[in-house]
Amino acid sequence: MTMIRIKLSEEIGSDLGQRYLIEEIFDDMDCNSQKVLFDFDGIEFISRSFAQEYLNRKMMADYEIGEVNIPCVVKKMFNVILKNNDYDSIY
């Protein structure tokens, strides 16, 4: 299985504030990968728009996407978005 690990703090920084940043990462990803692992280590902030776009892209992807090292601030934002969209909390 081909896997890509993306450390967001190295690719973007500790502040995940702009939706277009995650759009660019997904758009530039190798479509041949079977699994992508996003590493949230070092993340201090995530905007609602960034989190919404990330979760939308994750749900639409035709490959497996996972996360590691998710800080509480990110988990809380993911759960807010999932709750507002009538999805069960998974974080």
PDB file of N, CA and C in Angstrom:
ATOM      1  N   MET A   1       0.845  -1.179   0.000  1.00  0.00           N
ATOM      2  CA  MET A   1       0.000   0.000   0.000  1.00  0.00           C
ATOM      3  C   MET A   1       0.891   1.243   0.000  1.00  0.00           C
ATOM      4  N   THR A   2       0.577   2.175  -0.870  1.00  0.00           N
ATOM      5  CA  THR A   2       1.288   3.440  -0.941  1.00  0.00           C
ATOM      6  C   THR A   2       0.677   4.407   0.063  1.00  0.00           C
ATOM      7  N   MET A   3       1.539   5.000   0.915  1.00  0.00           N
ATOM      8  CA  MET A   3       1.050   5.944   1.908  1.00  0.00           C
ATOM      9  C   MET A   3       1.869   7.225   1.863  1.00  0.00           C
ATOM     10  N   ILE A   4       1.168   8.339   2.007  1.00  0.00           N
ATOM     11  CA  ILE A   4       1.802   9.649   2.104  1.00  0.00           C
ATOM     12  C   ILE A   4       1.511  10.185   3.499  1.00  0.00           C
ATOM     13  N   ARG A   5       2.537  10.724   4.152  1.00  0.00           N
ATOM     14  CA  ARG A   5       2.349  11.386   5.451  1.00  0.00           C
ATOM     15  C   ARG A   5       2.606  12.872   5.249  1.00  0.00           C
ATOM     16  N   ILE A   6       1.636  13.695   5.654  1.00  0.00           N
ATOM     17  CA  ILE A   6       1.742  15.142   5.488  1.00  0.00           C
ATOM     18  C   ILE A   6       1.712  15.793   6.863  1.00  0.00           C
ATOM     19  N   LYS A   7       2.830  16.401   7.242  1.00  0.00           N
ATOM     20  CA  LYS A   7       2.897  17.124   8.515  1.00  0.00           C
ATOM     21  C   LYS A   7       2.477  18.566   8.242  1.00  0.00           C
ATOM     22  N   LEU A   8       1.281  18.899   8.679  1.00  0.00           N
ATOM     23  CA  LEU A   8       0.687  20.192   8.352  1.00  0.00           C
ATOM     24  C   LEU A   8       1.483  21.373   8.897  1.00  0.00           C
ATOM     25  N   SER A   9       2.111  21.225  10.058  1.00  0.00           N
ATOM     26  CA  SER A   9       2.885  22.341  10.608  1.00  0.00           C
ATOM     27  C   SER A   9       4.096  22.664   9.745  1.00  0.00           C
ATOM     28  N   GLU A  10       4.628  21.675   9.041  1.00  0.00           N
ATOM     29  CA  GLU A  10       5.755  21.916   8.134  1.00  0.00           C
ATOM     30  C   GLU A  10       5.283  22.443   6.784  1.00  0.00           C
ATOM     31  N   GLU A  11       4.142  21.982   6.325  1.00  0.00           N
ATOM     32  CA  GLU A  11       3.612  22.408   5.025  1.00  0.00           C
ATOM     33  C   GLU A  11       2.976  23.794   5.079  1.00  0.00           C
ATOM     34  N   ILE A  12       2.299  24.093   6.194  1.00  0.00           N
ATOM     35  CA  ILE A  12       1.516  25.324   6.292  1.00  0.00           C
ATOM     36  C   ILE A  12       1.983  26.216   7.442  1.00  0.00           C
ATOM     37  N   GLY A  13       2.235  25.623   8.589  1.00  0.00           N
ATOM     38  CA  GLY A  13       2.564  26.365   9.805  1.00  0.00           C
ATOM     39  C   GLY A  13       1.619  25.944  10.919  1.00  0.00           C
ATOM     40  N   SER A  14       1.743  26.565  12.075  1.00  0.00           N
ATOM     41  CA  SER A  14       0.936  26.169  13.233  1.00  0.00           C
ATOM     42  C   SER A  14      -0.483  26.741  13.197  1.00  0.00           C
ATOM     43  N   ASP A  15      -0.743  27.658  12.281  1.00  0.00           N
ATOM     44  CA  ASP A  15      -2.034  28.329  12.171  1.00  0.00           C
ATOM     45  C   ASP A  15      -2.726  27.904  10.876  1.00  0.00           C
ATOM     46  N   LEU A  16      -3.734  27.050  11.005  1.00  0.00           N
ATOM     47  CA  LEU A  16      -4.485  26.576   9.834  1.00  0.00           C
ATOM     48  C   LEU A  16      -5.696  27.480   9.656  1.00  0.00           C
ATOM     49  N   GLY A  17      -5.471  28.632   9.033  1.00  0.00           N
ATOM     50  CA  GLY A  17      -6.503  29.647   9.010  1.00  0.00           C
ATOM     51  C   GLY A  17      -7.206  29.870   7.687  1.00  0.00           C
ATOM     52  N   GLN A  18      -6.651  29.403   6.595  1.00  0.00           N
ATOM     53  CA  GLN A  18      -7.229  29.708   5.287  1.00  0.00           C
ATOM     54  C   GLN A  18      -7.644  28.430   4.562  1.00  0.00           C
ATOM     55  N   ARG A  19      -8.861  28.419   4.083  1.00  0.00           N
ATOM     56  CA  ARG A  19      -9.414  27.259   3.375  1.00  0.00           C
ATOM     57  C   ARG A  19      -8.564  26.862   2.169  1.00  0.00           C
ATOM     58  N   TYR A  20      -8.072  27.843   1.436  1.00  0.00           N
ATOM     59  CA  TYR A  20      -7.336  27.545   0.202  1.00  0.00           C
ATOM     60  C   TYR A  20      -6.066  26.730   0.466  1.00  0.00           C
ATOM     61  N   LEU A  21      -5.519  26.820   1.674  1.00  0.00           N
ATOM     62  CA  LEU A  21      -4.292  26.079   1.978  1.00  0.00           C
ATOM     63  C   LEU A  21      -4.524  24.566   1.935  1.00  0.00           C
ATOM     64  N   ILE A  22      -5.628  24.110   2.491  1.00  0.00           N
ATOM     65  CA  ILE A  22      -5.911  22.672   2.450  1.00  0.00           C
ATOM     66  C   ILE A  22      -6.398  22.268   1.065  1.00  0.00           C
ATOM     67  N   GLU A  23      -7.071  23.178   0.354  1.00  0.00           N
ATOM     68  CA  GLU A  23      -7.462  22.890  -1.030  1.00  0.00           C
ATOM     69  C   GLU A  23      -6.227  22.597  -1.872  1.00  0.00           C
ATOM     70  N   GLU A  24      -5.188  23.423  -1.716  1.00  0.00           N
ATOM     71  CA  GLU A  24      -3.955  23.231  -2.487  1.00  0.00           C
ATOM     72  C   GLU A  24      -3.289  21.903  -2.161  1.00  0.00           C
ATOM     73  N   ILE A  25      -3.267  21.523  -0.893  1.00  0.00           N
ATOM     74  CA  ILE A  25      -2.651  20.245  -0.514  1.00  0.00           C
ATOM     75  C   ILE A  25      -3.403  19.090  -1.160  1.00  0.00           C
ATOM     76  N   PHE A  26      -4.725  19.094  -1.075  1.00  0.00           N
ATOM     77  CA  PHE A  26      -5.501  18.013  -1.687  1.00  0.00           C
ATOM     78  C   PHE A  26      -5.349  18.018  -3.206  1.00  0.00           C
ATOM     79  N   ASP A  27      -5.353  19.198  -3.819  1.00  0.00           N
ATOM     80  CA  ASP A  27      -5.238  19.280  -5.277  1.00  0.00           C
ATOM     81  C   ASP A  27      -3.875  18.801  -5.776  1.00  0.00           C
ATOM     82  N   ASP A  28      -2.834  19.008  -4.977  1.00  0.00           N
ATOM     83  CA  ASP A  28      -1.479  18.623  -5.375  1.00  0.00           C
ATOM     84  C   ASP A  28      -1.115  17.191  -5.005  1.00  0.00           C
ATOM     85  N   MET A  29      -2.002  16.487  -4.312  1.00  0.00           N
ATOM     86  CA  MET A  29      -1.696  15.151  -3.836  1.00  0.00           C
ATOM     87  C   MET A  29      -1.600  14.140  -4.970  1.00  0.00           C
ATOM     88  N   ASP A  30      -0.764  13.157  -4.776  1.00  0.00           N
ATOM     89  CA  ASP A  30      -0.593  12.068  -5.731  1.00  0.00           C
ATOM     90  C   ASP A  30      -1.837  11.187  -5.708  1.00  0.00           C
ATOM     91  N   CYS A  31      -2.542  11.126  -6.800  1.00  0.00           N
ATOM     92  CA  CYS A  31      -3.786  10.354  -6.872  1.00  0.00           C
ATOM     93  C   CYS A  31      -3.557   8.848  -6.787  1.00  0.00           C
ATOM     94  N   ASN A  32      -2.321   8.401  -6.910  1.00  0.00           N
ATOM     95  CA  ASN A  32      -2.029   6.974  -6.844  1.00  0.00           C
ATOM     96  C   ASN A  32      -1.902   6.463  -5.417  1.00  0.00           C
ATOM     97  N   SER A  33      -1.918   7.353  -4.453  1.00  0.00           N
ATOM     98  CA  SER A  33      -1.795   6.935  -3.060  1.00  0.00           C
ATOM     99  C   SER A  33      -3.060   6.230  -2.613  1.00  0.00           C
ATOM    100  N   GLN A  34      -2.879   5.199  -1.810  1.00  0.00           N
ATOM    101  CA  GLN A  34      -4.020   4.486  -1.268  1.00  0.00           C
ATOM    102  C   GLN A  34      -4.385   4.994   0.119  1.00  0.00           C
ATOM    103  N   LYS A  35      -3.416   5.652   0.780  1.00  0.00           N
ATOM    104  CA  LYS A  35      -3.672   6.186   2.113  1.00  0.00           C
ATOM    105  C   LYS A  35      -2.875   7.465   2.301  1.00  0.00           C
ATOM    106  N   VAL A  36      -3.528   8.450   2.911  1.00  0.00           N
ATOM    107  CA  VAL A  36      -2.870   9.703   3.258  1.00  0.00           C
ATOM    108  C   VAL A  36      -3.052   9.899   4.756  1.00  0.00           C
ATOM    109  N   LEU A  37      -1.963  10.192   5.432  1.00  0.00           N
ATOM    110  CA  LEU A  37      -1.980  10.405   6.870  1.00  0.00           C
ATOM    111  C   LEU A  37      -1.600  11.856   7.147  1.00  0.00           C
ATOM    112  N   PHE A  38      -2.539  12.609   7.720  1.00  0.00           N
ATOM    113  CA  PHE A  38      -2.283  14.001   8.074  1.00  0.00           C
ATOM    114  C   PHE A  38      -1.818  14.055   9.524  1.00  0.00           C
ATOM    115  N   ASP A  39      -0.653  14.665   9.739  1.00  0.00           N
ATOM    116  CA  ASP A  39      -0.076  14.806  11.072  1.00  0.00           C
ATOM    117  C   ASP A  39      -0.345  16.230  11.557  1.00  0.00           C
ATOM    118  N   PHE A  40      -1.111  16.345  12.630  1.00  0.00           N
ATOM    119  CA  PHE A  40      -1.489  17.644  13.174  1.00  0.00           C
ATOM    120  C   PHE A  40      -0.571  18.098  14.310  1.00  0.00           C
ATOM    121  N   ASP A  41       0.564  17.444  14.495  1.00  0.00           N
ATOM    122  CA  ASP A  41       1.508  17.831  15.544  1.00  0.00           C
ATOM    123  C   ASP A  41       1.963  19.277  15.333  1.00  0.00           C
ATOM    124  N   GLY A  42       1.937  20.065  16.391  1.00  0.00           N
ATOM    125  CA  GLY A  42       2.387  21.450  16.303  1.00  0.00           C
ATOM    126  C   GLY A  42       1.324  22.447  15.883  1.00  0.00           C
ATOM    127  N   ILE A  43       0.109  21.983  15.635  1.00  0.00           N
ATOM    128  CA  ILE A  43      -0.969  22.889  15.224  1.00  0.00           C
ATOM    129  C   ILE A  43      -1.565  23.557  16.463  1.00  0.00           C
ATOM    130  N   GLU A  44      -1.666  24.884  16.416  1.00  0.00           N
ATOM    131  CA  GLU A  44      -2.186  25.661  17.541  1.00  0.00           C
ATOM    132  C   GLU A  44      -3.565  26.247  17.267  1.00  0.00           C
ATOM    133  N   PHE A  45      -3.927  26.383  15.989  1.00  0.00           N
ATOM    134  CA  PHE A  45      -5.214  26.985  15.627  1.00  0.00           C
ATOM    135  C   PHE A  45      -5.703  26.374  14.325  1.00  0.00           C
ATOM    136  N   ILE A  46      -7.026  26.194  14.239  1.00  0.00           N
ATOM    137  CA  ILE A  46      -7.650  25.784  12.982  1.00  0.00           C
ATOM    138  C   ILE A  46      -8.940  26.581  12.822  1.00  0.00           C
ATOM    139  N   SER A  47      -9.101  27.215  11.679  1.00  0.00           N
ATOM    140  CA  SER A  47     -10.320  27.989  11.430  1.00  0.00           C
ATOM    141  C   SER A  47     -11.459  27.047  11.051  1.00  0.00           C
ATOM    142  N   ARG A  48     -12.648  27.546  11.196  1.00  0.00           N
ATOM    143  CA  ARG A  48     -13.825  26.758  10.820  1.00  0.00           C
ATOM    144  C   ARG A  48     -13.809  26.443   9.325  1.00  0.00           C
ATOM    145  N   SER A  49     -13.411  27.407   8.509  1.00  0.00           N
ATOM    146  CA  SER A  49     -13.410  27.178   7.059  1.00  0.00           C
ATOM    147  C   SER A  49     -12.365  26.136   6.659  1.00  0.00           C
ATOM    148  N   PHE A  50     -11.197  26.156   7.287  1.00  0.00           N
ATOM    149  CA  PHE A  50     -10.169  25.158   7.002  1.00  0.00           C
ATOM    150  C   PHE A  50     -10.678  23.770   7.402  1.00  0.00           C
ATOM    151  N   ALA A  51     -11.227  23.674   8.610  1.00  0.00           N
ATOM    152  CA  ALA A  51     -11.725  22.389   9.102  1.00  0.00           C
ATOM    153  C   ALA A  51     -12.858  21.858   8.229  1.00  0.00           C
ATOM    154  N   GLN A  52     -13.763  22.736   7.819  1.00  0.00           N
ATOM    155  CA  GLN A  52     -14.881  22.333   6.956  1.00  0.00           C
ATOM    156  C   GLN A  52     -14.371  21.780   5.631  1.00  0.00           C
ATOM    157  N   GLU A  53     -13.435  22.482   5.021  1.00  0.00           N
ATOM    158  CA  GLU A  53     -12.885  22.031   3.738  1.00  0.00           C
ATOM    159  C   GLU A  53     -12.145  20.709   3.894  1.00  0.00           C
ATOM    160  N   TYR A  54     -11.376  20.577   4.969  1.00  0.00           N
ATOM    161  CA  TYR A  54     -10.647  19.332   5.217  1.00  0.00           C
ATOM    162  C   TYR A  54     -11.628  18.157   5.330  1.00  0.00           C
ATOM    163  N   LEU A  55     -12.654  18.320   6.157  1.00  0.00           N
ATOM    164  CA  LEU A  55     -13.614  17.231   6.352  1.00  0.00           C
ATOM    165  C   LEU A  55     -14.398  16.929   5.080  1.00  0.00           C
ATOM    166  N   ASN A  56     -14.763  17.950   4.317  1.00  0.00           N
ATOM    167  CA  ASN A  56     -15.453  17.720   3.039  1.00  0.00           C
ATOM    168  C   ASN A  56     -14.584  16.917   2.087  1.00  0.00           C
ATOM    169  N   ARG A  57     -13.330  17.321   1.953  1.00  0.00           N
ATOM    170  CA  ARG A  57     -12.413  16.613   1.053  1.00  0.00           C
ATOM    171  C   ARG A  57     -12.175  15.187   1.534  1.00  0.00           C
ATOM    172  N   LYS A  58     -12.069  15.015   2.848  1.00  0.00           N
ATOM    173  CA  LYS A  58     -11.860  13.673   3.405  1.00  0.00           C
ATOM    174  C   LYS A  58     -13.040  12.764   3.065  1.00  0.00           C
ATOM    175  N   MET A  59     -14.248  13.271   3.227  1.00  0.00           N
ATOM    176  CA  MET A  59     -15.437  12.457   2.964  1.00  0.00           C
ATOM    177  C   MET A  59     -15.602  12.134   1.486  1.00  0.00           C
ATOM    178  N   MET A  60     -15.116  13.002   0.601  1.00  0.00           N
ATOM    179  CA  MET A  60     -15.265  12.788  -0.840  1.00  0.00           C
ATOM    180  C   MET A  60     -14.109  11.990  -1.450  1.00  0.00           C
ATOM    181  N   ALA A  61     -13.036  11.807  -0.711  1.00  0.00           N
ATOM    182  CA  ALA A  61     -11.849  11.147  -1.261  1.00  0.00           C
ATOM    183  C   ALA A  61     -12.130   9.681  -1.582  1.00  0.00           C
ATOM    184  N   ASP A  62     -11.496   9.201  -2.636  1.00  0.00           N
ATOM    185  CA  ASP A  62     -11.642   7.792  -3.009  1.00  0.00           C
ATOM    186  C   ASP A  62     -10.457   6.969  -2.513  1.00  0.00           C
ATOM    187  N   TYR A  63      -9.794   7.470  -1.500  1.00  0.00           N
ATOM    188  CA  TYR A  63      -8.694   6.772  -0.840  1.00  0.00           C
ATOM    189  C   TYR A  63      -8.822   7.029   0.654  1.00  0.00           C
ATOM    190  N   GLU A  64      -8.133   6.233   1.439  1.00  0.00           N
ATOM    191  CA  GLU A  64      -8.222   6.340   2.893  1.00  0.00           C
ATOM    192  C   GLU A  64      -7.440   7.551   3.399  1.00  0.00           C
ATOM    193  N   ILE A  65      -8.051   8.291   4.317  1.00  0.00           N
ATOM    194  CA  ILE A  65      -7.395   9.432   4.946  1.00  0.00           C
ATOM    195  C   ILE A  65      -7.477   9.247   6.454  1.00  0.00           C
ATOM    196  N   GLY A  66      -6.344   9.421   7.107  1.00  0.00           N
ATOM    197  CA  GLY A  66      -6.293   9.314   8.559  1.00  0.00           C
ATOM    198  C   GLY A  66      -5.574  10.502   9.158  1.00  0.00           C
ATOM    199  N   GLU A  67      -5.647  10.601  10.473  1.00  0.00           N
ATOM    200  CA  GLU A  67      -5.002  11.683  11.192  1.00  0.00           C
ATOM    201  C   GLU A  67      -4.236  11.130  12.381  1.00  0.00           C
ATOM    202  N   VAL A  68      -3.161  11.819  12.745  1.00  0.00           N
ATOM    203  CA  VAL A  68      -2.413  11.524  13.962  1.00  0.00           C
ATOM    204  C   VAL A  68      -2.096  12.835  14.662  1.00  0.00           C
ATOM    205  N   ASN A  69      -1.826  12.730  15.955  1.00  0.00           N
ATOM    206  CA  ASN A  69      -1.407  13.874  16.774  1.00  0.00           C
ATOM    207  C   ASN A  69      -2.392  15.044  16.691  1.00  0.00           C
ATOM    208  N   ILE A  70      -3.672  14.749  16.861  1.00  0.00           N
ATOM    209  CA  ILE A  70      -4.697  15.790  16.747  1.00  0.00           C
ATOM    210  C   ILE A  70      -4.840  16.519  18.086  1.00  0.00           C
ATOM    211  N   PRO A  71      -4.518  17.820  18.120  1.00  0.00           N
ATOM    212  CA  PRO A  71      -4.684  18.590  19.358  1.00  0.00           C
ATOM    213  C   PRO A  71      -6.161  18.801  19.698  1.00  0.00           C
ATOM    214  N   CYS A  72      -6.432  19.093  20.956  1.00  0.00           N
ATOM    215  CA  CYS A  72      -7.817  19.308  21.407  1.00  0.00           C
ATOM    216  C   CYS A  72      -8.522  20.397  20.614  1.00  0.00           C
ATOM    217  N   VAL A  73      -7.825  21.470  20.299  1.00  0.00           N
ATOM    218  CA  VAL A  73      -8.445  22.581  19.568  1.00  0.00           C
ATOM    219  C   VAL A  73      -8.945  22.120  18.195  1.00  0.00           C
ATOM    220  N   VAL A  74      -8.222  21.219  17.565  1.00  0.00           N
ATOM    221  CA  VAL A  74      -8.626  20.692  16.257  1.00  0.00           C
ATOM    222  C   VAL A  74      -9.794  19.718  16.424  1.00  0.00           C
ATOM    223  N   LYS A  75      -9.708  18.836  17.404  1.00  0.00           N
ATOM    224  CA  LYS A  75     -10.804  17.895  17.658  1.00  0.00           C
ATOM    225  C   LYS A  75     -12.116  18.632  17.918  1.00  0.00           C
ATOM    226  N   LYS A  76     -12.035  19.680  18.728  1.00  0.00           N
ATOM    227  CA  LYS A  76     -13.245  20.444  19.047  1.00  0.00           C
ATOM    228  C   LYS A  76     -13.856  21.065  17.797  1.00  0.00           C
ATOM    229  N   MET A  77     -13.024  21.638  16.949  1.00  0.00           N
ATOM    230  CA  MET A  77     -13.542  22.265  15.729  1.00  0.00           C
ATOM    231  C   MET A  77     -14.142  21.212  14.795  1.00  0.00           C
ATOM    232  N   PHE A  78     -13.469  20.073  14.634  1.00  0.00           N
ATOM    233  CA  PHE A  78     -14.020  19.001  13.803  1.00  0.00           C
ATOM    234  C   PHE A  78     -15.389  18.574  14.332  1.00  0.00           C
ATOM    235  N   ASN A  79     -15.502  18.409  15.642  1.00  0.00           N
ATOM    236  CA  ASN A  79     -16.766  17.967  16.228  1.00  0.00           C
ATOM    237  C   ASN A  79     -17.873  18.999  16.066  1.00  0.00           C
ATOM    238  N   VAL A  80     -17.548  20.286  16.147  1.00  0.00           N
ATOM    239  CA  VAL A  80     -18.544  21.343  15.910  1.00  0.00           C
ATOM    240  C   VAL A  80     -19.097  21.224  14.493  1.00  0.00           C
ATOM    241  N   ILE A  81     -18.211  21.058  13.539  1.00  0.00           N
ATOM    242  CA  ILE A  81     -18.637  20.963  12.138  1.00  0.00           C
ATOM    243  C   ILE A  81     -19.449  19.695  11.900  1.00  0.00           C
ATOM    244  N   LEU A  82     -18.987  18.586  12.428  1.00  0.00           N
ATOM    245  CA  LEU A  82     -19.715  17.332  12.241  1.00  0.00           C
ATOM    246  C   LEU A  82     -21.098  17.402  12.887  1.00  0.00           C
ATOM    247  N   LYS A  83     -21.181  17.993  14.064  1.00  0.00           N
ATOM    248  CA  LYS A  83     -22.471  18.117  14.747  1.00  0.00           C
ATOM    249  C   LYS A  83     -23.424  19.010  13.952  1.00  0.00           C
ATOM    250  N   ASN A  84     -22.921  20.108  13.431  1.00  0.00           N
ATOM    251  CA  ASN A  84     -23.760  21.030  12.657  1.00  0.00           C
ATOM    252  C   ASN A  84     -24.215  20.437  11.334  1.00  0.00           C
ATOM    253  N   ASN A  85     -23.537  19.407  10.867  1.00  0.00           N
ATOM    254  CA  ASN A  85     -23.910  18.750   9.615  1.00  0.00           C
ATOM    255  C   ASN A  85     -24.575  17.400   9.854  1.00  0.00           C
ATOM    256  N   ASP A  86     -25.011  17.176  11.089  1.00  0.00           N
ATOM    257  CA  ASP A  86     -25.718  15.948  11.470  1.00  0.00           C
ATOM    258  C   ASP A  86     -24.905  14.679  11.262  1.00  0.00           C
ATOM    259  N   TYR A  87     -23.603  14.767  11.444  1.00  0.00           N
ATOM    260  CA  TYR A  87     -22.751  13.585  11.444  1.00  0.00           C
ATOM    261  C   TYR A  87     -22.385  13.275  12.884  1.00  0.00           C
ATOM    262  N   ASP A  88     -22.158  12.005  13.166  1.00  0.00           N
ATOM    263  CA  ASP A  88     -21.713  11.631  14.502  1.00  0.00           C
ATOM    264  C   ASP A  88     -20.296  12.137  14.727  1.00  0.00           C
ATOM    265  N   SER A  89     -20.027  12.523  15.946  1.00  0.00           N
ATOM    266  CA  SER A  89     -18.681  12.950  16.312  1.00  0.00           C
ATOM    267  C   SER A  89     -17.740  11.757  16.213  1.00  0.00           C
ATOM    268  N   ILE A  90     -16.613  11.954  15.559  1.00  0.00           N
ATOM    269  CA  ILE A  90     -15.650  10.862  15.430  1.00  0.00           C
ATOM    270  C   ILE A  90     -14.309  11.233  16.038  1.00  0.00           C
ATOM    271  N   TYR A  91     -14.209  12.402  16.622  1.00  0.00           N
ATOM    272  CA  TYR A  91     -12.934  12.850  17.181  1.00  0.00           C
ATOM    273  C   TYR A  91     -13.040  13.051  18.670  1.00  0.00           C
TER     274      TYR A  91
END
